[in-house]
Amino acid sequence: MIYGYIRVSTHEQNIESQKNTISRYGMDHKLIIDEWVALEMSSRKSTEQRRIDELLERLLPNDTVIVSELSRLGRSIKETLQTIETIVNEKKSRLVLIKQNMDLNRHDKNNVANKVLITVFSMIAELERDFISERTKEGLRARVAKGIKLGKPKGTIQGSMYDKDQDKIFHLYSLGVPLQKIIATHLGYGKYWSIKNYIEKRYKKTENQLKITSSEISGVCA
């Protein structure tokens, strides 16, 4: 598929102007535009609203995206580079930027300039990810330095698929019903070791809580 992507954001620009530029390029290079993705909207809108996300989602390896100029792809250098990296490296598609005279095609092994540009774009994207990771680590270290404990509080128990049948499971278990029978006859789902682990973690805790509650009630009645 060959896509023509068009975006205009000011009154001086118009969709037909960009469409004509892309169409002329296609004719000169014997490329037929299969589908147009056009939007008239401010660059301050999100990538999804500018239909960039829609375009990227549909791209397949060896597809081609033709744009009149680089600025149509993003509202900042960072965003533009991320879009280019996604098209060329992740989607393995071809990107043509007419005004900049750039034809980014990772399958063209003879184009040294393309290889250099693709490498630079990849390095910048990776560097940005490293910066984000380092900022996250610095934030965590700062929290630790302030005495803030990270992670879940001690004793926190994660949710389980057995939670909805907890009362039934605990009741049957207290009656001495074998775990395999609880699974096969009363639940219809689950595995022996997972339900065994579930009971070991929760049953005693619940039992202790009930004992404490009973003691408190007895104390009040006395």
Protein backbone atom coordinates (compact mmCIF):
# COMPACT_ATOMS: atom_id res chain seq x y z
CA MET A 1 0.00 0.00 0.00
CA ILE A 2 1.10 3.53 -0.76
CA TYR A 3 -0.32 6.20 1.54
CA GLY A 4 -0.38 9.94 0.98
CA TYR A 5 -0.47 11.73 4.35
CA ILE A 6 -1.73 15.32 4.39
CA ARG A 7 -2.19 17.74 7.27
CA VAL A 8 -2.85 21.45 7.18
CA SER A 9 -2.99 23.72 10.21
CA THR A 10 -3.33 27.31 8.95
CA HIS A 11 -5.65 29.23 6.65
CA GLU A 12 -2.80 29.75 4.18
CA GLN A 13 -2.40 26.04 3.69
CA ASN A 14 -4.87 23.77 1.94
CA ILE A 15 -5.27 20.08 1.46
CA GLU A 16 -5.27 20.28 -2.35
CA SER A 17 -1.82 21.93 -2.41
CA GLN A 18 -0.18 19.08 -0.50
CA LYS A 19 -2.18 16.51 -2.44
CA ASN A 20 -0.96 17.95 -5.74
CA THR A 21 2.65 17.91 -4.51
CA ILE A 22 2.38 14.25 -3.52
CA SER A 23 0.52 13.32 -6.72
CA ARG A 24 3.20 14.94 -8.90
CA TYR A 25 5.91 13.07 -7.00
CA GLY A 26 3.99 9.84 -7.54
CA MET A 27 3.69 10.46 -11.26
CA ASP A 28 7.38 11.32 -11.60
CA HIS A 29 8.41 8.16 -9.76
CA LYS A 30 5.68 5.87 -11.13
CA LEU A 31 3.99 5.50 -7.75
CA ILE A 32 0.21 5.29 -7.49
CA ILE A 33 -1.34 6.52 -4.23
CA ASP A 34 -3.65 3.77 -2.96
CA GLU A 35 -5.14 5.77 -0.12
CA TRP A 36 -5.11 9.34 1.15
CA VAL A 37 -5.02 10.13 4.88
CA ALA A 38 -5.92 13.80 5.15
CA LEU A 39 -6.76 16.04 8.07
CA GLU A 40 -7.18 19.77 8.54
CA MET A 41 -6.33 20.53 12.16
CA SER A 42 -3.98 22.43 14.46
CA SER A 43 -0.55 20.94 15.18
CA ARG A 44 -1.35 21.39 18.88
CA LYS A 45 -3.70 18.42 18.68
CA SER A 46 -2.52 14.96 19.69
CA THR A 47 -1.04 12.45 17.25
CA GLU A 48 -4.25 10.45 17.43
CA GLN A 49 -6.33 13.49 16.51
CA ARG A 50 -3.97 14.21 13.60
CA ARG A 51 -4.57 10.60 12.44
CA ILE A 52 -0.86 9.74 12.74
CA ASP A 53 -1.73 6.86 15.10
CA GLU A 54 -4.36 5.60 12.67
CA LEU A 55 -1.82 5.59 9.87
CA LEU A 56 0.90 3.88 11.92
CA GLU A 57 -1.52 1.20 13.09
CA ARG A 58 -2.38 0.23 9.53
CA LEU A 59 1.17 0.17 8.14
CA LEU A 60 2.62 -3.15 7.05
CA PRO A 61 6.20 -4.03 6.03
CA ASN A 62 7.06 -2.66 2.57
CA ASP A 63 4.22 -0.10 2.63
CA THR A 64 5.10 3.46 1.61
CA VAL A 65 4.15 6.77 3.22
CA ILE A 66 4.59 9.92 1.15
CA VAL A 67 4.50 13.32 2.87
CA SER A 68 4.99 16.77 1.34
CA GLU A 69 7.45 17.82 4.06
CA LEU A 70 8.91 16.80 7.41
CA SER A 71 6.85 19.22 9.53
CA ARG A 72 3.63 17.38 8.61
CA LEU A 73 4.66 14.42 10.79
CA GLY A 74 4.93 16.10 14.19
CA ARG A 75 4.72 19.25 16.27
CA SER A 76 8.22 18.85 17.75
CA ILE A 77 11.58 17.36 16.79
CA LYS A 78 11.14 14.60 19.37
CA GLU A 79 7.69 13.63 18.14
CA THR A 80 8.74 13.79 14.49
CA LEU A 81 11.77 11.56 15.10
CA GLN A 82 9.64 9.07 17.00
CA THR A 83 7.19 8.92 14.11
CA ILE A 84 9.99 8.39 11.60
CA GLU A 85 11.55 5.70 13.76
CA THR A 86 8.19 3.92 14.04
CA ILE A 87 7.55 4.00 10.29
CA VAL A 88 11.03 2.97 9.18
CA ASN A 89 12.32 0.69 11.94
CA GLU A 90 9.27 -0.74 13.71
CA LYS A 91 6.86 -0.96 10.78
CA LYS A 92 9.68 -1.55 8.27
CA SER A 93 7.95 0.75 5.80
CA ARG A 94 9.30 3.32 3.38
CA LEU A 95 8.96 7.04 4.12
CA VAL A 96 9.27 9.71 1.45
CA LEU A 97 9.69 13.38 2.47
CA ILE A 98 9.37 15.37 -0.74
CA LYS A 99 10.56 18.83 0.31
CA GLN A 100 13.62 17.45 2.11
CA ASN A 101 14.34 15.09 -0.81
CA MET A 102 14.59 12.17 1.60
CA ASP A 103 13.60 8.63 0.73
CA LEU A 104 13.97 6.56 3.89
CA ASN A 105 13.87 2.91 2.94
CA ARG A 106 15.65 0.42 5.18
CA HIS A 107 15.52 -2.18 2.39
CA ASP A 108 17.67 -0.01 0.13
CA LYS A 109 21.08 -1.31 1.20
CA ASN A 110 22.95 0.79 -1.36
CA ASN A 111 21.76 4.14 -0.02
CA VAL A 112 24.43 5.09 2.51
CA ALA A 113 22.66 8.33 3.47
CA ASN A 114 19.51 6.38 4.37
CA LYS A 115 21.47 3.96 6.52
CA VAL A 116 23.14 6.84 8.37
CA LEU A 117 19.86 8.68 8.92
CA ILE A 118 18.03 5.56 10.09
CA THR A 119 20.87 4.82 12.52
CA VAL A 120 20.79 8.39 13.86
CA PHE A 121 17.02 8.26 14.31
CA SER A 122 17.29 4.96 16.16
CA MET A 123 20.06 6.27 18.42
CA ILE A 124 18.05 9.38 19.29
CA ALA A 125 14.98 7.30 20.13
CA GLU A 126 17.06 4.92 22.25
CA LEU A 127 18.76 7.85 23.99
CA GLU A 128 15.36 9.32 24.86
CA ARG A 129 14.28 5.99 26.36
CA ASP A 130 17.49 5.91 28.41
CA PHE A 131 16.81 9.43 29.69
CA ILE A 132 13.30 8.43 30.75
CA SER A 133 14.64 5.33 32.50
CA GLU A 134 17.32 7.33 34.31
CA ARG A 135 14.80 9.97 35.42
CA THR A 136 12.59 7.22 36.80
CA LYS A 137 15.49 5.68 38.72
CA GLU A 138 16.51 9.09 40.09
CA GLY A 139 12.94 9.65 41.25
CA LEU A 140 12.89 6.29 43.03
CA ARG A 141 16.26 6.98 44.68
CA ALA A 142 14.98 10.36 45.87
CA ARG A 143 11.93 8.69 47.42
CA VAL A 144 14.13 6.16 49.20
CA ALA A 145 16.38 8.96 50.50
CA LYS A 146 13.31 10.62 51.99
CA GLY A 147 12.43 7.43 53.81
CA ILE A 148 9.52 6.52 51.57
CA LYS A 149 9.18 2.76 51.22
CA LEU A 150 8.77 1.51 47.67
CA GLY A 151 6.55 -1.29 46.48
CA LYS A 152 3.46 -2.72 48.08
CA PRO A 153 3.10 -2.65 51.87
CA LYS A 154 4.29 -5.77 53.63
CA GLY A 155 1.57 -8.36 53.89
CA THR A 156 -0.34 -7.10 50.86
CA ILE A 157 -2.08 -9.94 49.06
CA GLN A 158 -2.80 -9.70 45.34
CA GLY A 159 -6.23 -10.44 43.92
CA SER A 160 -7.02 -13.99 42.81
CA MET A 161 -9.56 -15.69 40.58
CA TYR A 162 -10.72 -17.58 43.68
CA ASP A 163 -11.75 -14.42 45.54
CA LYS A 164 -15.34 -14.52 44.29
CA ASP A 165 -15.78 -18.01 45.78
CA GLN A 166 -13.71 -17.43 48.90
CA ASP A 167 -16.50 -18.11 51.41
CA LYS A 168 -17.47 -21.33 49.65
CA ILE A 169 -13.85 -22.51 49.44
CA PHE A 170 -13.11 -21.75 53.10
CA HIS A 171 -16.35 -23.43 54.23
CA LEU A 172 -15.66 -26.62 52.27
CA TYR A 173 -12.05 -26.63 53.42
CA SER A 174 -13.11 -26.27 57.07
CA LEU A 175 -15.38 -29.30 56.59
CA GLY A 176 -12.42 -31.35 55.38
CA VAL A 177 -13.48 -31.60 51.73
CA PRO A 178 -10.43 -32.60 49.59
CA LEU A 179 -9.06 -29.84 47.38
CA GLN A 180 -9.47 -31.85 44.18
CA LYS A 181 -13.17 -32.35 44.99
CA ILE A 182 -13.60 -28.64 45.70
CA ILE A 183 -12.14 -27.90 42.26
CA ALA A 184 -13.95 -30.60 40.29
CA THR A 185 -17.36 -30.64 42.01
CA HIS A 186 -17.96 -27.26 43.61
CA LEU A 187 -15.95 -24.75 41.52
CA GLY A 188 -15.47 -26.24 38.08
CA TYR A 189 -12.16 -24.40 37.60
CA GLY A 190 -8.72 -24.06 39.16
CA LYS A 191 -5.72 -26.26 39.87
CA TYR A 192 -4.63 -28.12 42.98
CA TRP A 193 -1.43 -26.21 43.72
CA SER A 194 -2.89 -22.78 43.02
CA ILE A 195 -5.92 -23.29 45.28
CA LYS A 196 -3.70 -24.86 47.94
CA ASN A 197 -1.46 -21.79 47.86
CA TYR A 198 -4.53 -19.55 47.93
CA ILE A 199 -5.89 -21.24 51.06
CA GLU A 200 -2.53 -21.25 52.83
CA LYS A 201 -2.13 -17.50 52.31
CA ARG A 202 -5.67 -16.44 53.11
CA TYR A 203 -7.44 -19.01 55.26
CA LYS A 204 -5.23 -18.64 58.32
CA LYS A 205 -5.30 -14.86 58.03
CA THR A 206 -9.10 -14.87 57.83
CA GLU A 207 -9.33 -17.38 60.66
CA ASN A 208 -7.15 -15.19 62.90
CA GLN A 209 -9.26 -12.15 62.08
CA LEU A 210 -12.40 -14.06 63.05
CA LYS A 211 -10.80 -15.12 66.35
CA ILE A 212 -9.89 -11.49 67.13
CA THR A 213 -13.43 -10.34 66.32
CA SER A 214 -14.91 -13.06 68.53
CA SER A 215 -12.64 -12.08 71.40
CA GLU A 216 -13.66 -8.44 71.05
CA ILE A 217 -17.35 -9.37 71.10
CA SER A 218 -16.86 -11.57 74.18
CA GLY A 219 -15.09 -8.73 75.93
CA VAL A 220 -17.94 -6.35 75.23
CA CYS A 221 -20.59 -8.83 76.42
CA ALA A 222 -18.65 -9.48 79.64
